[in-house]
Amino acid sequence: MLNYHPVFVLTFPVYLFFLNID
């Protein structure tokens, strides 16, 4: 199982947000 790095935790919701915007 992958460790949840802070960068991943911060960028993943942003990624989903941009998918939602589209």
C-alpha atoms as a PDB file:
ATOM      1  CA  MET A   1       0.000   0.000   0.000  1.00  0.00           C
ATOM      2  CA  LEU A   2       1.303   3.420  -0.918  1.00  0.00           C
ATOM      3  CA  ASN A   3       2.132   5.912   1.769  1.00  0.00           C
ATOM      4  CA  TYR A   4       0.067   9.063   1.619  1.00  0.00           C
ATOM      5  CA  HIS A   5       2.612  11.788   1.043  1.00  0.00           C
ATOM      6  CA  PRO A   6       1.556  15.366   1.878  1.00  0.00           C
ATOM      7  CA  VAL A   7       2.009  16.381  -1.737  1.00  0.00           C
ATOM      8  CA  PHE A   8      -0.323  13.624  -2.891  1.00  0.00           C
ATOM      9  CA  VAL A   9      -2.866  14.491  -0.213  1.00  0.00           C
ATOM     10  CA  LEU A  10      -2.800  18.131  -1.318  1.00  0.00           C
ATOM     11  CA  THR A  11      -2.825  17.604  -5.066  1.00  0.00           C
ATOM     12  CA  PHE A  12      -5.311  14.757  -5.368  1.00  0.00           C
ATOM     13  CA  PRO A  13      -8.351  16.815  -4.226  1.00  0.00           C
ATOM     14  CA  VAL A  14      -7.245  19.604  -6.540  1.00  0.00           C
ATOM     15  CA  TYR A  15      -7.060  17.109  -9.394  1.00  0.00           C
ATOM     16  CA  LEU A  16     -10.591  15.930  -8.670  1.00  0.00           C
ATOM     17  CA  PHE A  17     -11.712  19.540  -8.408  1.00  0.00           C
ATOM     18  CA  PHE A  18     -10.426  20.302 -11.907  1.00  0.00           C
ATOM     19  CA  LEU A  19     -12.132  17.194 -13.247  1.00  0.00           C
ATOM     20  CA  ASN A  20     -15.363  18.416 -11.712  1.00  0.00           C
ATOM     21  CA  ILE A  21     -14.919  21.880 -13.223  1.00  0.00           C
ATOM     22  CA  ASP A  22     -14.655  20.330 -16.664  1.00  0.00           C
END
